[in-house]
């Protein structure tokens, strides 16, 4: 269910294609009162998105952050990279409905956004919906996410 957002520990990262959108999103998150850690990139010079995804997902799996926001050109590469990490459920979220339902139904903990796909105003709305959502107590949804966890077992 989408509700008013409480303070969340967030980690944010981008590759060079997402750098220009990440900067105002970072400011927006801080203005909303969230505790935000930026794992790069720190300038528009080329960088490999898997390296940023690794830093971002490490912050989540270590408990330093509750949720992540990864910005790249389309969001697809970031999602693929993040989903390689055990305990991470990443999704490309380019519409408001998916931004909250991904958390409510699938307990997504990394939101991936394509800077070449969405503009700043929409990106802010998407991030707000994602952060305001909580994982449902519905037993069917909980069972399905537990099966996702089981799929990660070696």
N, C-alpha and C. Protein backbone atom coordinates (compact mmCIF):
# COMPACT_ATOMS: atom_id res chain seq x y z
N UNK A 1 0.84 -1.18 0.00
CA UNK A 1 0.00 0.00 0.00
C UNK A 1 0.88 1.23 0.00
N UNK A 2 0.54 2.19 -0.83
CA UNK A 2 1.29 3.44 -0.89
C UNK A 2 0.77 4.36 0.21
N UNK A 3 1.68 4.90 0.99
CA UNK A 3 1.33 5.79 2.08
C UNK A 3 2.34 6.92 2.11
N UNK A 4 2.19 7.79 3.06
CA UNK A 4 3.19 8.85 3.21
C UNK A 4 4.53 8.21 3.54
N UNK A 5 5.57 8.67 2.90
CA UNK A 5 6.90 8.09 3.07
C UNK A 5 7.49 8.49 4.41
N UNK A 6 8.01 7.49 5.12
CA UNK A 6 8.77 7.76 6.33
C UNK A 6 10.24 7.81 5.94
N UNK A 7 11.06 8.22 6.84
CA UNK A 7 12.50 8.31 6.56
C UNK A 7 13.04 6.92 6.24
N UNK A 8 13.76 6.83 5.15
CA UNK A 8 14.32 5.56 4.67
C UNK A 8 15.82 5.73 4.47
N UNK A 9 16.59 4.69 4.81
CA UNK A 9 18.02 4.66 4.51
C UNK A 9 18.17 4.16 3.07
N UNK A 10 18.62 5.04 2.19
CA UNK A 10 18.67 4.76 0.77
C UNK A 10 20.11 4.82 0.28
N UNK A 11 20.42 3.94 -0.65
CA UNK A 11 21.67 4.02 -1.38
C UNK A 11 21.31 4.32 -2.83
N UNK A 12 22.01 5.24 -3.44
CA UNK A 12 21.75 5.63 -4.82
C UNK A 12 23.05 5.54 -5.61
N UNK A 13 22.92 5.13 -6.86
CA UNK A 13 24.09 5.04 -7.72
C UNK A 13 23.68 5.20 -9.17
N UNK A 14 24.67 5.51 -9.99
CA UNK A 14 24.41 5.65 -11.43
C UNK A 14 25.69 5.35 -12.20
N UNK A 15 25.49 4.99 -13.45
CA UNK A 15 26.64 4.99 -14.35
C UNK A 15 26.68 6.37 -15.00
N UNK A 16 27.55 6.55 -15.98
CA UNK A 16 27.68 7.86 -16.62
C UNK A 16 26.40 8.28 -17.34
N UNK A 17 25.65 7.31 -17.90
CA UNK A 17 24.41 7.65 -18.60
C UNK A 17 23.32 8.13 -17.65
N UNK A 18 23.40 7.73 -16.40
CA UNK A 18 22.41 8.14 -15.41
C UNK A 18 22.84 9.27 -14.51
N UNK A 19 24.09 9.70 -14.64
CA UNK A 19 24.64 10.71 -13.73
C UNK A 19 23.82 12.00 -13.69
N UNK A 20 23.42 12.51 -14.85
CA UNK A 20 22.69 13.79 -14.88
C UNK A 20 21.34 13.71 -14.19
N UNK A 21 20.67 12.56 -14.22
CA UNK A 21 19.39 12.40 -13.53
C UNK A 21 19.60 12.08 -12.05
N UNK A 22 20.67 11.38 -11.74
CA UNK A 22 20.92 11.02 -10.34
C UNK A 22 21.11 12.24 -9.47
N UNK A 23 21.80 13.24 -9.97
CA UNK A 23 22.11 14.41 -9.14
C UNK A 23 20.86 15.10 -8.59
N UNK A 24 19.86 15.45 -9.40
CA UNK A 24 18.66 16.06 -8.83
C UNK A 24 17.82 15.07 -8.00
N UNK A 25 17.87 13.79 -8.33
CA UNK A 25 17.16 12.79 -7.50
C UNK A 25 17.80 12.72 -6.12
N UNK A 26 19.10 12.78 -6.07
CA UNK A 26 19.82 12.78 -4.80
C UNK A 26 19.39 13.97 -3.95
N UNK A 27 19.33 15.13 -4.56
CA UNK A 27 18.88 16.34 -3.83
C UNK A 27 17.44 16.18 -3.36
N UNK A 28 16.57 15.63 -4.21
CA UNK A 28 15.16 15.43 -3.85
C UNK A 28 15.04 14.49 -2.65
N UNK A 29 15.77 13.40 -2.67
CA UNK A 29 15.71 12.44 -1.57
C UNK A 29 16.16 13.06 -0.26
N UNK A 30 17.19 13.85 -0.32
CA UNK A 30 17.69 14.52 0.89
C UNK A 30 16.68 15.57 1.37
N UNK A 31 16.07 16.31 0.43
CA UNK A 31 15.05 17.29 0.81
C UNK A 31 13.85 16.62 1.47
N UNK A 32 13.56 15.38 1.09
CA UNK A 32 12.44 14.63 1.69
C UNK A 32 12.81 14.06 3.05
N UNK A 33 14.05 14.24 3.48
CA UNK A 33 14.47 13.80 4.81
C UNK A 33 15.04 12.40 4.88
N UNK A 34 15.31 11.79 3.75
CA UNK A 34 15.88 10.44 3.75
C UNK A 34 17.37 10.50 4.04
N UNK A 35 17.88 9.41 4.59
CA UNK A 35 19.30 9.24 4.84
C UNK A 35 19.87 8.58 3.58
N UNK A 36 20.63 9.32 2.77
CA UNK A 36 21.05 8.86 1.45
C UNK A 36 22.56 8.71 1.37
N UNK A 37 22.98 7.56 0.86
CA UNK A 37 24.39 7.31 0.56
C UNK A 37 24.54 7.23 -0.95
N UNK A 38 25.46 7.99 -1.48
CA UNK A 38 25.74 8.01 -2.92
C UNK A 38 27.00 7.16 -3.17
N UNK A 39 26.87 6.11 -4.00
CA UNK A 39 28.00 5.22 -4.28
C UNK A 39 28.61 5.49 -5.66
N UNK A 40 28.27 6.63 -6.26
CA UNK A 40 28.84 6.99 -7.56
C UNK A 40 27.86 6.71 -8.68
N UNK A 41 28.22 7.06 -9.84
CA UNK A 41 29.42 7.75 -10.24
C UNK A 41 29.35 9.20 -9.76
N UNK A 42 30.50 9.80 -9.70
CA UNK A 42 30.58 11.15 -9.14
C UNK A 42 30.86 12.21 -10.20
N UNK A 43 30.89 11.80 -11.45
CA UNK A 43 31.02 12.72 -12.58
C UNK A 43 30.55 11.98 -13.83
N UNK A 44 30.41 12.67 -14.94
CA UNK A 44 29.87 12.03 -16.14
C UNK A 44 30.88 11.20 -16.95
N UNK A 45 32.06 10.97 -16.42
CA UNK A 45 33.05 10.16 -17.13
C UNK A 45 32.57 8.70 -17.20
N UNK A 46 32.88 7.99 -18.26
CA UNK A 46 32.44 6.60 -18.40
C UNK A 46 32.85 5.73 -17.22
N UNK A 47 31.91 4.90 -16.80
CA UNK A 47 32.11 3.96 -15.70
C UNK A 47 31.30 2.71 -16.03
N UNK A 48 31.70 1.58 -15.52
CA UNK A 48 30.99 0.33 -15.76
C UNK A 48 29.88 0.15 -14.74
N UNK A 49 28.63 0.04 -15.23
CA UNK A 49 27.48 -0.06 -14.32
C UNK A 49 27.55 -1.26 -13.37
N UNK A 50 28.16 -2.40 -13.74
CA UNK A 50 28.22 -3.49 -12.75
C UNK A 50 29.01 -3.10 -11.49
N UNK A 51 30.01 -2.23 -11.64
CA UNK A 51 30.78 -1.80 -10.47
C UNK A 51 29.92 -0.96 -9.53
N UNK A 52 29.11 -0.09 -10.09
CA UNK A 52 28.22 0.73 -9.27
C UNK A 52 27.14 -0.16 -8.65
N UNK A 53 26.60 -1.09 -9.43
CA UNK A 53 25.57 -2.01 -8.90
C UNK A 53 26.13 -2.83 -7.73
N UNK A 54 27.38 -3.24 -7.83
CA UNK A 54 28.01 -4.01 -6.73
C UNK A 54 28.08 -3.16 -5.46
N UNK A 55 28.51 -1.92 -5.58
CA UNK A 55 28.58 -1.04 -4.41
C UNK A 55 27.20 -0.80 -3.82
N UNK A 56 26.22 -0.58 -4.68
CA UNK A 56 24.85 -0.31 -4.23
C UNK A 56 24.25 -1.53 -3.52
N UNK A 57 24.39 -2.70 -4.12
CA UNK A 57 23.80 -3.90 -3.52
C UNK A 57 24.52 -4.30 -2.24
N UNK A 58 25.81 -4.04 -2.16
CA UNK A 58 26.54 -4.33 -0.93
C UNK A 58 26.00 -3.50 0.24
N UNK A 59 25.64 -2.25 -0.04
CA UNK A 59 25.06 -1.42 1.02
C UNK A 59 23.74 -2.00 1.52
N UNK A 60 22.97 -2.60 0.63
CA UNK A 60 21.69 -3.19 1.03
C UNK A 60 21.91 -4.51 1.76
N UNK A 61 22.70 -5.40 1.20
CA UNK A 61 22.89 -6.71 1.83
C UNK A 61 23.61 -6.62 3.16
N UNK A 62 24.40 -5.57 3.36
CA UNK A 62 25.09 -5.38 4.64
C UNK A 62 24.19 -4.75 5.70
N UNK A 63 23.05 -4.23 5.29
CA UNK A 63 22.15 -3.55 6.22
C UNK A 63 22.39 -2.06 6.35
N UNK A 64 23.36 -1.53 5.63
CA UNK A 64 23.64 -0.10 5.69
C UNK A 64 22.51 0.72 5.06
N UNK A 65 21.80 0.11 4.11
CA UNK A 65 20.67 0.78 3.45
C UNK A 65 19.49 -0.20 3.39
N UNK A 66 18.28 0.37 3.38
CA UNK A 66 17.08 -0.45 3.28
C UNK A 66 16.67 -0.68 1.83
N UNK A 67 16.85 0.35 1.01
CA UNK A 67 16.47 0.27 -0.40
C UNK A 67 17.49 1.00 -1.25
N UNK A 68 17.47 0.65 -2.55
CA UNK A 68 18.39 1.26 -3.48
C UNK A 68 17.69 1.85 -4.68
N UNK A 69 18.32 2.86 -5.26
CA UNK A 69 17.87 3.48 -6.51
C UNK A 69 19.10 3.51 -7.42
N UNK A 70 18.98 2.83 -8.57
CA UNK A 70 20.08 2.77 -9.53
C UNK A 70 19.62 3.41 -10.83
N UNK A 71 20.40 4.35 -11.35
CA UNK A 71 20.05 5.07 -12.57
C UNK A 71 21.10 4.78 -13.62
N UNK A 72 20.64 4.27 -14.76
CA UNK A 72 21.54 4.10 -15.90
C UNK A 72 20.79 4.58 -17.15
N UNK A 73 21.24 4.23 -18.31
CA UNK A 73 20.59 4.72 -19.53
C UNK A 73 19.15 4.26 -19.66
N UNK A 74 18.94 2.95 -19.54
CA UNK A 74 17.58 2.39 -19.66
C UNK A 74 17.07 1.77 -18.38
N UNK A 75 17.93 1.50 -17.44
CA UNK A 75 17.57 0.78 -16.22
C UNK A 75 17.76 -0.72 -16.36
N UNK A 76 17.86 -1.21 -17.58
CA UNK A 76 17.94 -2.65 -17.82
C UNK A 76 19.27 -3.23 -17.33
N UNK A 77 20.38 -2.65 -17.75
CA UNK A 77 21.68 -3.16 -17.32
C UNK A 77 21.84 -3.14 -15.81
N UNK A 78 21.39 -2.06 -15.20
CA UNK A 78 21.45 -1.95 -13.74
C UNK A 78 20.64 -3.05 -13.07
N UNK A 79 19.46 -3.33 -13.62
CA UNK A 79 18.61 -4.38 -13.06
C UNK A 79 19.26 -5.75 -13.19
N UNK A 80 19.82 -6.03 -14.34
CA UNK A 80 20.49 -7.32 -14.54
C UNK A 80 21.64 -7.48 -13.56
N UNK A 81 22.47 -6.46 -13.44
CA UNK A 81 23.61 -6.52 -12.54
C UNK A 81 23.18 -6.69 -11.09
N UNK A 82 22.22 -5.90 -10.65
CA UNK A 82 21.77 -5.97 -9.25
C UNK A 82 21.16 -7.33 -8.93
N UNK A 83 20.41 -7.89 -9.86
CA UNK A 83 19.76 -9.18 -9.62
C UNK A 83 20.72 -10.35 -9.56
N UNK A 84 21.98 -10.14 -9.87
CA UNK A 84 22.99 -11.20 -9.75
C UNK A 84 23.37 -11.41 -8.28
N UNK A 85 23.00 -10.48 -7.42
CA UNK A 85 23.41 -10.52 -6.01
C UNK A 85 22.31 -11.16 -5.16
N UNK A 86 22.71 -12.15 -4.39
CA UNK A 86 21.77 -12.85 -3.51
C UNK A 86 21.12 -11.87 -2.53
N UNK A 87 19.79 -11.95 -2.42
CA UNK A 87 19.05 -11.07 -1.51
C UNK A 87 18.54 -9.80 -2.16
N UNK A 88 18.89 -9.60 -3.42
CA UNK A 88 18.45 -8.41 -4.12
C UNK A 88 17.32 -8.77 -5.08
N UNK A 89 16.31 -7.94 -5.07
CA UNK A 89 15.20 -8.03 -6.03
C UNK A 89 15.09 -6.66 -6.68
N UNK A 90 15.64 -6.56 -7.89
CA UNK A 90 15.68 -5.30 -8.61
C UNK A 90 14.71 -5.33 -9.78
N UNK A 91 14.14 -4.17 -10.08
CA UNK A 91 13.21 -4.07 -11.21
C UNK A 91 13.33 -2.70 -11.86
N UNK A 92 13.14 -2.70 -13.18
CA UNK A 92 13.05 -1.45 -13.92
C UNK A 92 11.65 -0.92 -13.68
N UNK A 93 11.54 0.29 -13.15
CA UNK A 93 10.26 0.86 -12.76
C UNK A 93 10.06 2.22 -13.43
N UNK A 94 9.31 2.22 -14.52
CA UNK A 94 9.12 3.45 -15.29
C UNK A 94 7.69 3.97 -15.26
N UNK A 95 6.82 3.34 -14.47
CA UNK A 95 5.47 3.90 -14.31
C UNK A 95 5.08 3.82 -12.83
N UNK A 96 4.18 4.70 -12.44
CA UNK A 96 3.81 4.86 -11.04
C UNK A 96 3.24 3.58 -10.44
N UNK A 97 2.39 2.89 -11.18
CA UNK A 97 1.76 1.67 -10.66
C UNK A 97 2.84 0.62 -10.33
N UNK A 98 3.74 0.38 -11.26
CA UNK A 98 4.79 -0.61 -11.02
C UNK A 98 5.73 -0.17 -9.90
N UNK A 99 5.96 1.14 -9.77
CA UNK A 99 6.87 1.65 -8.75
C UNK A 99 6.41 1.28 -7.34
N UNK A 100 5.10 1.30 -7.10
CA UNK A 100 4.65 0.90 -5.76
C UNK A 100 4.30 -0.58 -5.71
N UNK A 101 3.74 -1.13 -6.78
CA UNK A 101 3.33 -2.54 -6.72
C UNK A 101 4.52 -3.49 -6.67
N UNK A 102 5.64 -3.11 -7.23
CA UNK A 102 6.83 -3.95 -7.16
C UNK A 102 7.26 -4.19 -5.72
N UNK A 103 7.07 -3.19 -4.88
CA UNK A 103 7.37 -3.35 -3.45
C UNK A 103 6.25 -4.11 -2.77
N UNK A 104 5.01 -3.71 -3.02
CA UNK A 104 3.86 -4.32 -2.35
C UNK A 104 3.73 -5.82 -2.64
N UNK A 105 3.98 -6.23 -3.88
CA UNK A 105 3.76 -7.62 -4.27
C UNK A 105 5.05 -8.44 -4.31
N UNK A 106 6.18 -7.81 -4.63
CA UNK A 106 7.40 -8.57 -4.88
C UNK A 106 8.55 -8.20 -3.95
N UNK A 107 8.31 -7.29 -3.02
CA UNK A 107 9.32 -6.86 -2.05
C UNK A 107 10.61 -6.41 -2.72
N UNK A 108 10.48 -5.67 -3.83
CA UNK A 108 11.63 -5.15 -4.57
C UNK A 108 12.41 -4.21 -3.66
N UNK A 109 13.73 -4.38 -3.65
CA UNK A 109 14.56 -3.53 -2.81
C UNK A 109 15.55 -2.67 -3.61
N UNK A 110 15.55 -2.81 -4.94
CA UNK A 110 16.35 -1.93 -5.80
C UNK A 110 15.48 -1.49 -6.97
N UNK A 111 15.29 -0.19 -7.06
CA UNK A 111 14.56 0.43 -8.16
C UNK A 111 15.57 0.86 -9.21
N UNK A 112 15.34 0.46 -10.46
CA UNK A 112 16.22 0.86 -11.55
C UNK A 112 15.44 1.78 -12.49
N UNK A 113 16.07 2.90 -12.83
CA UNK A 113 15.43 3.91 -13.67
C UNK A 113 16.33 4.21 -14.86
N UNK A 114 15.72 4.38 -16.02
CA UNK A 114 16.46 4.75 -17.21
C UNK A 114 16.41 6.25 -17.44
N UNK A 115 17.55 6.89 -17.35
CA UNK A 115 17.62 8.34 -17.53
C UNK A 115 17.28 8.73 -18.97
N UNK A 116 17.45 7.83 -19.91
CA UNK A 116 17.12 8.11 -21.31
C UNK A 116 15.63 7.83 -21.58
N UNK A 117 14.92 7.33 -20.58
CA UNK A 117 13.52 6.95 -20.75
C UNK A 117 12.58 7.90 -20.02
N UNK A 118 12.91 8.27 -18.79
CA UNK A 118 12.03 9.14 -18.00
C UNK A 118 12.74 10.46 -17.68
N UNK A 119 11.94 11.49 -17.51
CA UNK A 119 12.46 12.80 -17.12
C UNK A 119 12.46 12.95 -15.61
N UNK A 120 12.97 14.08 -15.17
CA UNK A 120 13.14 14.32 -13.74
C UNK A 120 11.81 14.32 -12.98
N UNK A 121 10.78 14.99 -13.50
CA UNK A 121 9.52 15.08 -12.76
C UNK A 121 8.93 13.70 -12.53
N UNK A 122 8.91 12.89 -13.58
CA UNK A 122 8.38 11.53 -13.44
C UNK A 122 9.29 10.71 -12.52
N UNK A 123 10.58 10.84 -12.67
CA UNK A 123 11.51 10.08 -11.83
C UNK A 123 11.28 10.38 -10.35
N UNK A 124 11.06 11.64 -10.00
CA UNK A 124 10.78 11.99 -8.60
C UNK A 124 9.50 11.31 -8.12
N UNK A 125 8.45 11.36 -8.94
CA UNK A 125 7.18 10.71 -8.56
C UNK A 125 7.36 9.20 -8.39
N UNK A 126 8.13 8.59 -9.28
CA UNK A 126 8.36 7.15 -9.21
C UNK A 126 9.12 6.78 -7.95
N UNK A 127 10.17 7.53 -7.64
CA UNK A 127 10.95 7.26 -6.43
C UNK A 127 10.08 7.45 -5.19
N UNK A 128 9.26 8.48 -5.17
CA UNK A 128 8.37 8.70 -4.02
C UNK A 128 7.39 7.54 -3.84
N UNK A 129 6.81 7.05 -4.93
CA UNK A 129 5.87 5.93 -4.85
C UNK A 129 6.58 4.66 -4.37
N UNK A 130 7.77 4.42 -4.88
CA UNK A 130 8.57 3.26 -4.50
C UNK A 130 8.90 3.29 -3.01
N UNK A 131 9.32 4.44 -2.51
CA UNK A 131 9.73 4.54 -1.11
C UNK A 131 8.55 4.55 -0.14
N UNK A 132 7.38 4.98 -0.61
CA UNK A 132 6.21 5.01 0.27
C UNK A 132 5.54 3.64 0.38
N UNK A 133 5.84 2.74 -0.53
CA UNK A 133 5.18 1.43 -0.55
C UNK A 133 5.80 0.49 0.47
N UNK A 134 4.98 -0.43 0.98
CA UNK A 134 5.44 -1.46 1.90
C UNK A 134 5.00 -2.83 1.38
N UNK A 135 5.78 -3.84 1.73
CA UNK A 135 5.48 -5.21 1.32
C UNK A 135 4.18 -5.67 2.00
N UNK A 136 3.31 -6.26 1.23
CA UNK A 136 1.99 -6.70 1.70
C UNK A 136 2.10 -7.82 2.73
N UNK A 137 1.10 -7.89 3.60
CA UNK A 137 0.99 -8.99 4.54
C UNK A 137 0.23 -10.17 3.95
N UNK A 138 -0.24 -10.05 2.71
CA UNK A 138 -0.99 -11.12 2.04
C UNK A 138 -0.15 -12.41 2.02
N UNK A 139 -0.68 -13.51 2.56
CA UNK A 139 0.10 -14.75 2.63
C UNK A 139 0.51 -15.28 1.25
N UNK A 140 -0.32 -15.07 0.24
CA UNK A 140 0.04 -15.53 -1.10
C UNK A 140 1.29 -14.81 -1.61
N UNK A 141 1.34 -13.49 -1.40
CA UNK A 141 2.48 -12.71 -1.86
C UNK A 141 3.73 -13.07 -1.05
N UNK A 142 3.57 -13.24 0.24
CA UNK A 142 4.70 -13.63 1.10
C UNK A 142 5.25 -15.00 0.68
N UNK A 143 4.36 -15.94 0.37
CA UNK A 143 4.78 -17.27 -0.07
C UNK A 143 5.58 -17.18 -1.37
N UNK A 144 5.11 -16.36 -2.29
CA UNK A 144 5.80 -16.24 -3.58
C UNK A 144 7.19 -15.62 -3.43
N UNK A 145 7.31 -14.61 -2.58
CA UNK A 145 8.63 -14.01 -2.36
C UNK A 145 9.55 -15.00 -1.64
N UNK A 146 9.00 -15.80 -0.75
CA UNK A 146 9.81 -16.84 -0.09
C UNK A 146 10.34 -17.82 -1.14
N UNK A 147 9.55 -18.12 -2.15
CA UNK A 147 10.02 -18.98 -3.24
C UNK A 147 11.12 -18.31 -4.04
N UNK A 148 11.06 -17.00 -4.19
CA UNK A 148 12.16 -16.29 -4.86
C UNK A 148 13.45 -16.46 -4.06
N UNK A 149 13.35 -16.31 -2.74
CA UNK A 149 14.53 -16.49 -1.89
C UNK A 149 15.09 -17.90 -2.04
N UNK A 150 14.20 -18.89 -2.08
CA UNK A 150 14.64 -20.28 -2.20
C UNK A 150 15.36 -20.52 -3.53
N UNK A 151 15.00 -19.81 -4.56
CA UNK A 151 15.66 -19.96 -5.86
C UNK A 151 17.12 -19.49 -5.82
N UNK A 152 17.46 -18.66 -4.84
CA UNK A 152 18.84 -18.17 -4.70
C UNK A 152 19.77 -19.15 -4.02
N UNK A 153 19.20 -20.18 -3.42
CA UNK A 153 20.02 -21.15 -2.66
C UNK A 153 21.01 -21.84 -3.59
N UNK A 154 22.20 -22.06 -3.11
CA UNK A 154 23.23 -22.73 -3.94
C UNK A 154 22.85 -24.15 -4.29
